[in-house]
């Protein structure tokens, strides 16, 4: 009876892919969901700066004056796909290169006050939404610090730098060269990536569940001097990613 119980206990905790983490390198792919946002710093005295509609943008009435009361960013769910290369550095640390493409959108929400005479006392306040679609090519170089495995599960931290190109921003700049009211952003960015996750070792492959944040370092706003771009001093990208890795 004791022998049978011992055999069952061993079967219950079979170590899958026992030598997997000793491979000098391996490959895989990644599927993920993302939420894109912006970190916004407005100009000083934002709500005191007056703009004239006729001189600034075609979607505001040229007979009125305007002031921006606030600017906020809303995100919409997106997704990403990529390939993964992993290089073993030591028993606990891997170097990972994960070129990927990520799709998503963000909306800049402007609360704008309108005045016929430029006095702005109890005048109408309305919202203007500017949707910013993005298609990122992201090239990250990351360090992954792994814990000891507990049976077929292991935890890890991941962090590093990435370089990205927003293909949708390239298109916006090209189309908006002679159109007012369209917000242009710069195409190139560098990000800091930080995250954590868990690895699950199955019989055939390793499944990773990972959550991380990308913090953009470059100021993306392309200042055209109109009410929309001129009201923003700094615009930085923020992206939350929840990913599944198959290795």
C-alpha atoms as a PDB file:
ATOM      1  CA  UNK A   1       0.000   0.000   0.000  1.00  0.00           C
ATOM      2  CA  UNK A   2       2.805   2.428   0.908  1.00  0.00           C
ATOM      3  CA  UNK A   3       4.598   1.571  -2.353  1.00  0.00           C
ATOM      4  CA  UNK A   4       1.469   2.273  -4.403  1.00  0.00           C
ATOM      5  CA  UNK A   5       0.940   5.595  -2.626  1.00  0.00           C
ATOM      6  CA  UNK A   6       4.577   6.580  -3.297  1.00  0.00           C
ATOM      7  CA  UNK A   7       4.271   5.775  -7.011  1.00  0.00           C
ATOM      8  CA  UNK A   8       1.054   7.835  -7.299  1.00  0.00           C
ATOM      9  CA  UNK A   9       2.705  10.801  -5.548  1.00  0.00           C
ATOM     10  CA  UNK A  10       5.628  10.651  -7.968  1.00  0.00           C
ATOM     11  CA  UNK A  11       3.291  10.472 -10.971  1.00  0.00           C
ATOM     12  CA  UNK A  12       1.392  13.492  -9.685  1.00  0.00           C
ATOM     13  CA  UNK A  13       4.539  15.661  -9.760  1.00  0.00           C
ATOM     14  CA  UNK A  14       6.202  14.587 -12.996  1.00  0.00           C
ATOM     15  CA  UNK A  15       8.653  17.308 -14.089  1.00  0.00           C
ATOM     16  CA  UNK A  16       7.927  18.257 -17.679  1.00  0.00           C
ATOM     17  CA  UNK A  17      10.742  19.538 -19.909  1.00  0.00           C
ATOM     18  CA  UNK A  18      13.319  19.037 -17.165  1.00  0.00           C
ATOM     19  CA  UNK A  19      16.316  20.285 -19.197  1.00  0.00           C
ATOM     20  CA  UNK A  20      14.465  23.042 -21.020  1.00  0.00           C
ATOM     21  CA  UNK A  21      16.119  25.941 -19.173  1.00  0.00           C
ATOM     22  CA  UNK A  22      19.585  24.500 -19.907  1.00  0.00           C
ATOM     23  CA  UNK A  23      19.252  24.974 -23.673  1.00  0.00           C
ATOM     24  CA  UNK A  24      21.730  27.593 -24.960  1.00  0.00           C
ATOM     25  CA  UNK A  25      18.990  29.141 -27.097  1.00  0.00           C
ATOM     26  CA  UNK A  26      15.433  28.492 -28.204  1.00  0.00           C
ATOM     27  CA  UNK A  27      12.613  30.193 -30.128  1.00  0.00           C
ATOM     28  CA  UNK A  28       8.895  30.746 -29.894  1.00  0.00           C
ATOM     29  CA  UNK A  29       6.109  33.192 -30.613  1.00  0.00           C
ATOM     30  CA  UNK A  30       3.983  35.616 -28.646  1.00  0.00           C
ATOM     31  CA  UNK A  31       0.297  36.638 -28.708  1.00  0.00           C
ATOM     32  CA  UNK A  32      -0.887  39.554 -26.634  1.00  0.00           C
ATOM     33  CA  UNK A  33      -3.525  42.097 -25.772  1.00  0.00           C
ATOM     34  CA  UNK A  34      -2.594  45.716 -25.196  1.00  0.00           C
ATOM     35  CA  UNK A  35      -4.034  48.962 -23.879  1.00  0.00           C
ATOM     36  CA  UNK A  36      -2.414  52.085 -25.319  1.00  0.00           C
ATOM     37  CA  UNK A  37      -2.484  55.398 -23.442  1.00  0.00           C
ATOM     38  CA  UNK A  38      -0.688  58.741 -23.408  1.00  0.00           C
ATOM     39  CA  UNK A  39       0.986  60.594 -20.576  1.00  0.00           C
ATOM     40  CA  UNK A  40       0.136  64.276 -21.182  1.00  0.00           C
ATOM     41  CA  UNK A  41       1.778  67.459 -19.938  1.00  0.00           C
ATOM     42  CA  UNK A  42      -0.083  70.562 -21.071  1.00  0.00           C
ATOM     43  CA  UNK A  43       1.343  74.025 -21.586  1.00  0.00           C
ATOM     44  CA  UNK A  44       1.506  76.399 -18.629  1.00  0.00           C
ATOM     45  CA  UNK A  45      -1.706  78.332 -17.923  1.00  0.00           C
ATOM     46  CA  UNK A  46      -3.591  76.103 -20.343  1.00  0.00           C
ATOM     47  CA  UNK A  47      -7.083  77.401 -19.517  1.00  0.00           C
ATOM     48  CA  UNK A  48      -5.967  81.052 -19.916  1.00  0.00           C
ATOM     49  CA  UNK A  49      -4.633  80.772 -23.476  1.00  0.00           C
ATOM     50  CA  UNK A  50      -7.101  82.025 -26.086  1.00  0.00           C
ATOM     51  CA  UNK A  51      -7.280  80.601 -29.599  1.00  0.00           C
ATOM     52  CA  UNK A  52      -9.206  81.990 -32.557  1.00  0.00           C
ATOM     53  CA  UNK A  53     -11.052  79.310 -34.503  1.00  0.00           C
ATOM     54  CA  UNK A  54     -10.562  80.800 -37.939  1.00  0.00           C
ATOM     55  CA  UNK A  55      -6.807  80.998 -37.565  1.00  0.00           C
ATOM     56  CA  UNK A  56      -6.228  77.609 -36.017  1.00  0.00           C
ATOM     57  CA  UNK A  57      -8.301  74.719 -37.354  1.00  0.00           C
ATOM     58  CA  UNK A  58     -11.054  74.049 -39.851  1.00  0.00           C
ATOM     59  CA  UNK A  59     -13.327  72.122 -37.455  1.00  0.00           C
ATOM     60  CA  UNK A  60     -13.931  75.144 -35.175  1.00  0.00           C
ATOM     61  CA  UNK A  61     -16.097  78.132 -36.064  1.00  0.00           C
ATOM     62  CA  UNK A  62     -13.974  81.024 -37.307  1.00  0.00           C
ATOM     63  CA  UNK A  63     -16.298  83.549 -35.637  1.00  0.00           C
ATOM     64  CA  UNK A  64     -15.573  82.334 -32.075  1.00  0.00           C
ATOM     65  CA  UNK A  65     -12.754  82.287 -29.566  1.00  0.00           C
ATOM     66  CA  UNK A  66     -11.717  79.151 -27.676  1.00  0.00           C
ATOM     67  CA  UNK A  67      -9.902  78.031 -24.536  1.00  0.00           C
ATOM     68  CA  UNK A  68      -8.884  74.478 -23.654  1.00  0.00           C
ATOM     69  CA  UNK A  69     -10.011  73.567 -20.141  1.00  0.00           C
ATOM     70  CA  UNK A  70      -8.441  70.077 -19.963  1.00  0.00           C
ATOM     71  CA  UNK A  71      -6.940  67.277 -22.077  1.00  0.00           C
ATOM     72  CA  UNK A  72      -7.240  63.580 -21.230  1.00  0.00           C
ATOM     73  CA  UNK A  73      -6.345  60.345 -22.993  1.00  0.00           C
ATOM     74  CA  UNK A  74      -8.572  57.278 -23.319  1.00  0.00           C
ATOM     75  CA  UNK A  75      -7.364  53.915 -24.598  1.00  0.00           C
ATOM     76  CA  UNK A  76      -9.012  51.082 -26.506  1.00  0.00           C
ATOM     77  CA  UNK A  77      -8.046  47.393 -26.423  1.00  0.00           C
ATOM     78  CA  UNK A  78      -5.645  46.206 -29.114  1.00  0.00           C
ATOM     79  CA  UNK A  79      -3.524  43.170 -29.850  1.00  0.00           C
ATOM     80  CA  UNK A  80       0.038  42.215 -30.747  1.00  0.00           C
ATOM     81  CA  UNK A  81       1.888  39.289 -32.334  1.00  0.00           C
ATOM     82  CA  UNK A  82       5.582  38.562 -32.558  1.00  0.00           C
ATOM     83  CA  UNK A  83       8.396  36.048 -32.635  1.00  0.00           C
ATOM     84  CA  UNK A  84      10.692  35.273 -29.728  1.00  0.00           C
ATOM     85  CA  UNK A  85      14.371  34.411 -29.464  1.00  0.00           C
ATOM     86  CA  UNK A  86      15.879  33.425 -26.098  1.00  0.00           C
ATOM     87  CA  UNK A  87      19.606  33.186 -25.262  1.00  0.00           C
ATOM     88  CA  UNK A  88      20.716  31.536 -22.010  1.00  0.00           C
ATOM     89  CA  UNK A  89      23.188  33.691 -20.037  1.00  0.00           C
ATOM     90  CA  UNK A  90      23.334  31.707 -16.783  1.00  0.00           C
ATOM     91  CA  UNK A  91      21.120  29.529 -14.584  1.00  0.00           C
ATOM     92  CA  UNK A  92      18.770  32.394 -13.778  1.00  0.00           C
ATOM     93  CA  UNK A  93      19.111  35.022 -16.521  1.00  0.00           C
ATOM     94  CA  UNK A  94      18.090  34.946 -20.208  1.00  0.00           C
ATOM     95  CA  UNK A  95      18.508  37.547 -22.943  1.00  0.00           C
ATOM     96  CA  UNK A  96      15.370  37.869 -25.072  1.00  0.00           C
ATOM     97  CA  UNK A  97      14.701  39.546 -28.418  1.00  0.00           C
ATOM     98  CA  UNK A  98      10.996  39.764 -29.309  1.00  0.00           C
ATOM     99  CA  UNK A  99      10.295  41.722 -32.524  1.00  0.00           C
ATOM    100  CA  UNK A 100       6.548  42.249 -32.707  1.00  0.00           C
ATOM    101  CA  UNK A 101       3.783  44.285 -34.279  1.00  0.00           C
ATOM    102  CA  UNK A 102       1.152  45.907 -32.075  1.00  0.00           C
ATOM    103  CA  UNK A 103      -2.184  47.453 -33.074  1.00  0.00           C
ATOM    104  CA  UNK A 104      -4.245  49.847 -30.973  1.00  0.00           C
ATOM    105  CA  UNK A 105      -5.767  53.279 -30.661  1.00  0.00           C
ATOM    106  CA  UNK A 106      -5.964  56.181 -28.244  1.00  0.00           C
ATOM    107  CA  UNK A 107      -8.320  59.130 -28.055  1.00  0.00           C
ATOM    108  CA  UNK A 108      -7.342  62.603 -26.900  1.00  0.00           C
ATOM    109  CA  UNK A 109     -10.362  64.225 -25.255  1.00  0.00           C
ATOM    110  CA  UNK A 110     -10.363  68.044 -25.228  1.00  0.00           C
ATOM    111  CA  UNK A 111     -12.770  70.057 -23.078  1.00  0.00           C
ATOM    112  CA  UNK A 112     -13.031  73.366 -24.892  1.00  0.00           C
ATOM    113  CA  UNK A 113     -14.788  76.559 -23.890  1.00  0.00           C
ATOM    114  CA  UNK A 114     -16.301  78.717 -26.619  1.00  0.00           C
ATOM    115  CA  UNK A 115     -16.880  82.470 -26.539  1.00  0.00           C
ATOM    116  CA  UNK A 116     -18.221  84.905 -29.095  1.00  0.00           C
ATOM    117  CA  UNK A 117     -16.420  87.928 -27.647  1.00  0.00           C
ATOM    118  CA  UNK A 118     -13.376  86.398 -25.918  1.00  0.00           C
ATOM    119  CA  UNK A 119     -14.608  87.131 -22.365  1.00  0.00           C
ATOM    120  CA  UNK A 120     -15.298  83.456 -21.370  1.00  0.00           C
ATOM    121  CA  UNK A 121     -17.753  84.045 -18.538  1.00  0.00           C
ATOM    122  CA  UNK A 122     -20.251  81.197 -18.269  1.00  0.00           C
ATOM    123  CA  UNK A 123     -19.835  80.295 -21.928  1.00  0.00           C
ATOM    124  CA  UNK A 124     -20.445  76.934 -23.570  1.00  0.00           C
ATOM    125  CA  UNK A 125     -18.040  74.050 -22.826  1.00  0.00           C
ATOM    126  CA  UNK A 126     -17.976  71.080 -25.217  1.00  0.00           C
ATOM    127  CA  UNK A 127     -15.790  68.063 -25.967  1.00  0.00           C
ATOM    128  CA  UNK A 128     -13.689  67.291 -29.024  1.00  0.00           C
ATOM    129  CA  UNK A 129     -12.341  63.756 -29.471  1.00  0.00           C
ATOM    130  CA  UNK A 130      -9.246  63.134 -31.574  1.00  0.00           C
ATOM    131  CA  UNK A 131      -8.697  59.432 -32.244  1.00  0.00           C
ATOM    132  CA  UNK A 132      -5.080  58.353 -32.731  1.00  0.00           C
ATOM    133  CA  UNK A 133      -4.668  54.915 -34.312  1.00  0.00           C
ATOM    134  CA  UNK A 134      -1.258  53.293 -33.961  1.00  0.00           C
ATOM    135  CA  UNK A 135       0.517  50.375 -35.614  1.00  0.00           C
ATOM    136  CA  UNK A 136       3.822  49.809 -33.845  1.00  0.00           C
ATOM    137  CA  UNK A 137       6.804  47.794 -34.961  1.00  0.00           C
ATOM    138  CA  UNK A 138       8.558  47.112 -31.655  1.00  0.00           C
ATOM    139  CA  UNK A 139      12.093  45.756 -31.269  1.00  0.00           C
ATOM    140  CA  UNK A 140      12.803  44.994 -27.584  1.00  0.00           C
ATOM    141  CA  UNK A 141      15.980  43.628 -26.026  1.00  0.00           C
ATOM    142  CA  UNK A 142      15.097  42.294 -22.575  1.00  0.00           C
ATOM    143  CA  UNK A 143      16.655  40.506 -19.616  1.00  0.00           C
ATOM    144  CA  UNK A 144      14.568  37.791 -17.974  1.00  0.00           C
ATOM    145  CA  UNK A 145      15.399  36.807 -14.383  1.00  0.00           C
ATOM    146  CA  UNK A 146      13.934  33.398 -13.541  1.00  0.00           C
ATOM    147  CA  UNK A 147      13.156  31.850 -10.160  1.00  0.00           C
ATOM    148  CA  UNK A 148      13.600  28.199  -9.238  1.00  0.00           C
ATOM    149  CA  UNK A 149      10.923  25.964 -10.688  1.00  0.00           C
ATOM    150  CA  UNK A 150       8.244  24.705  -8.340  1.00  0.00           C
ATOM    151  CA  UNK A 151       7.300  21.467 -10.055  1.00  0.00           C
ATOM    152  CA  UNK A 152       6.047  22.706 -13.457  1.00  0.00           C
ATOM    153  CA  UNK A 153       5.644  26.405 -12.613  1.00  0.00           C
ATOM    154  CA  UNK A 154       8.205  29.188 -12.399  1.00  0.00           C
ATOM    155  CA  UNK A 155       8.014  32.946 -11.851  1.00  0.00           C
ATOM    156  CA  UNK A 156      10.151  35.656 -13.442  1.00  0.00           C
ATOM    157  CA  UNK A 157      10.812  39.369 -13.790  1.00  0.00           C
ATOM    158  CA  UNK A 158      11.591  40.955 -17.135  1.00  0.00           C
ATOM    159  CA  UNK A 159      12.915  44.363 -18.131  1.00  0.00           C
ATOM    160  CA  UNK A 160      14.904  46.219 -20.748  1.00  0.00           C
ATOM    161  CA  UNK A 161      14.705  48.696 -23.617  1.00  0.00           C
ATOM    162  CA  UNK A 162      12.924  48.753 -26.942  1.00  0.00           C
ATOM    163  CA  UNK A 163      12.864  50.805 -30.126  1.00  0.00           C
ATOM    164  CA  UNK A 164       9.581  51.324 -31.981  1.00  0.00           C
ATOM    165  CA  UNK A 165       8.221  52.782 -35.216  1.00  0.00           C
ATOM    166  CA  UNK A 166       4.599  53.916 -35.459  1.00  0.00           C
ATOM    167  CA  UNK A 167       3.555  53.201 -39.051  1.00  0.00           C
ATOM    168  CA  UNK A 168       0.204  54.947 -38.550  1.00  0.00           C
ATOM    169  CA  UNK A 169       2.026  58.133 -37.489  1.00  0.00           C
ATOM    170  CA  UNK A 170       3.958  58.067 -40.767  1.00  0.00           C
ATOM    171  CA  UNK A 171       0.642  57.944 -42.619  1.00  0.00           C
ATOM    172  CA  UNK A 172      -0.888  60.735 -40.493  1.00  0.00           C
ATOM    173  CA  UNK A 173       2.027  63.083 -41.153  1.00  0.00           C
ATOM    174  CA  UNK A 174       1.809  62.419 -44.880  1.00  0.00           C
ATOM    175  CA  UNK A 175      -1.953  62.938 -45.101  1.00  0.00           C
ATOM    176  CA  UNK A 176      -2.118  65.873 -42.707  1.00  0.00           C
ATOM    177  CA  UNK A 177       0.551  68.053 -44.262  1.00  0.00           C
ATOM    178  CA  UNK A 178      -2.041  70.556 -45.535  1.00  0.00           C
ATOM    179  CA  UNK A 179      -4.986  69.732 -43.258  1.00  0.00           C
ATOM    180  CA  UNK A 180      -5.598  71.527 -39.981  1.00  0.00           C
ATOM    181  CA  UNK A 181      -7.137  69.824 -36.966  1.00  0.00           C
ATOM    182  CA  UNK A 182      -5.282  66.510 -37.414  1.00  0.00           C
ATOM    183  CA  UNK A 183      -2.799  65.799 -34.642  1.00  0.00           C
ATOM    184  CA  UNK A 184       0.579  64.633 -35.849  1.00  0.00           C
ATOM    185  CA  UNK A 185       2.926  62.557 -33.713  1.00  0.00           C
ATOM    186  CA  UNK A 186       6.522  61.549 -34.245  1.00  0.00           C
ATOM    187  CA  UNK A 187       7.155  58.136 -35.709  1.00  0.00           C
ATOM    188  CA  UNK A 188      10.153  56.935 -33.679  1.00  0.00           C
ATOM    189  CA  UNK A 189      10.246  56.190 -29.967  1.00  0.00           C
ATOM    190  CA  UNK A 190      12.324  54.382 -27.348  1.00  0.00           C
ATOM    191  CA  UNK A 191      10.710  52.647 -24.385  1.00  0.00           C
ATOM    192  CA  UNK A 192      11.576  51.186 -21.021  1.00  0.00           C
ATOM    193  CA  UNK A 193       9.845  47.833 -20.514  1.00  0.00           C
ATOM    194  CA  UNK A 194       9.157  46.335 -17.075  1.00  0.00           C
ATOM    195  CA  UNK A 195       7.054  43.316 -16.231  1.00  0.00           C
ATOM    196  CA  UNK A 196       6.544  40.012 -14.492  1.00  0.00           C
ATOM    197  CA  UNK A 197       5.105  36.635 -15.382  1.00  0.00           C
ATOM    198  CA  UNK A 198       4.802  32.900 -14.830  1.00  0.00           C
ATOM    199  CA  UNK A 199       6.056  29.982 -16.898  1.00  0.00           C
ATOM    200  CA  UNK A 200       4.020  26.762 -17.080  1.00  0.00           C
ATOM    201  CA  UNK A 201       5.926  23.704 -18.299  1.00  0.00           C
ATOM    202  CA  UNK A 202       3.634  21.364 -20.222  1.00  0.00           C
ATOM    203  CA  UNK A 203       4.510  18.047 -21.736  1.00  0.00           C
ATOM    204  CA  UNK A 204       5.211  19.556 -25.175  1.00  0.00           C
ATOM    205  CA  UNK A 205       6.028  23.250 -24.724  1.00  0.00           C
ATOM    206  CA  UNK A 206       6.443  26.051 -22.191  1.00  0.00           C
ATOM    207  CA  UNK A 207       3.549  28.506 -21.816  1.00  0.00           C
ATOM    208  CA  UNK A 208       4.244  31.939 -20.365  1.00  0.00           C
ATOM    209  CA  UNK A 209       1.719  34.434 -19.006  1.00  0.00           C
ATOM    210  CA  UNK A 210       3.250  37.901 -18.807  1.00  0.00           C
ATOM    211  CA  UNK A 211       2.137  41.420 -17.859  1.00  0.00           C
ATOM    212  CA  UNK A 212       4.333  44.425 -18.563  1.00  0.00           C
ATOM    213  CA  UNK A 213       4.341  48.183 -19.076  1.00  0.00           C
ATOM    214  CA  UNK A 214       6.081  50.157 -21.792  1.00  0.00           C
ATOM    215  CA  UNK A 215       7.030  53.735 -20.945  1.00  0.00           C
ATOM    216  CA  UNK A 216       7.945  55.935 -23.911  1.00  0.00           C
ATOM    217  CA  UNK A 217      10.938  58.235 -23.503  1.00  0.00           C
ATOM    218  CA  UNK A 218      10.492  60.580 -26.475  1.00  0.00           C
ATOM    219  CA  UNK A 219       8.157  63.561 -26.684  1.00  0.00           C
ATOM    220  CA  UNK A 220       5.841  62.515 -29.528  1.00  0.00           C
ATOM    221  CA  UNK A 221       3.847  65.704 -30.107  1.00  0.00           C
ATOM    222  CA  UNK A 222       4.422  67.387 -33.436  1.00  0.00           C
ATOM    223  CA  UNK A 223       3.580  71.006 -32.627  1.00  0.00           C
ATOM    224  CA  UNK A 224       1.724  72.690 -35.491  1.00  0.00           C
ATOM    225  CA  UNK A 225       0.822  75.760 -33.448  1.00  0.00           C
ATOM    226  CA  UNK A 226      -2.913  75.045 -33.539  1.00  0.00           C
ATOM    227  CA  UNK A 227      -5.267  74.668 -30.573  1.00  0.00           C
ATOM    228  CA  UNK A 228      -4.829  70.882 -30.399  1.00  0.00           C
ATOM    229  CA  UNK A 229      -1.080  70.355 -30.703  1.00  0.00           C
ATOM    230  CA  UNK A 230      -0.193  73.776 -29.312  1.00  0.00           C
ATOM    231  CA  UNK A 231      -1.946  73.013 -26.015  1.00  0.00           C
ATOM    232  CA  UNK A 232       0.340  70.028 -25.316  1.00  0.00           C
ATOM    233  CA  UNK A 233       3.891  70.503 -24.065  1.00  0.00           C
ATOM    234  CA  UNK A 234       4.824  66.816 -23.798  1.00  0.00           C
ATOM    235  CA  UNK A 235       3.134  63.665 -25.033  1.00  0.00           C
ATOM    236  CA  UNK A 236       4.606  60.293 -24.030  1.00  0.00           C
ATOM    237  CA  UNK A 237       3.391  56.827 -24.945  1.00  0.00           C
ATOM    238  CA  UNK A 238       2.308  54.287 -22.319  1.00  0.00           C
ATOM    239  CA  UNK A 239       1.315  50.740 -23.269  1.00  0.00           C
ATOM    240  CA  UNK A 240       0.100  47.935 -21.014  1.00  0.00           C
ATOM    241  CA  UNK A 241       0.572  44.439 -22.476  1.00  0.00           C
ATOM    242  CA  UNK A 242      -0.798  41.098 -21.345  1.00  0.00           C
ATOM    243  CA  UNK A 243       0.919  38.367 -23.341  1.00  0.00           C
ATOM    244  CA  UNK A 244       1.012  34.626 -23.866  1.00  0.00           C
ATOM    245  CA  UNK A 245       4.344  33.164 -24.950  1.00  0.00           C
ATOM    246  CA  UNK A 246       4.689  29.743 -26.558  1.00  0.00           C
ATOM    247  CA  UNK A 247       8.240  28.373 -26.444  1.00  0.00           C
END
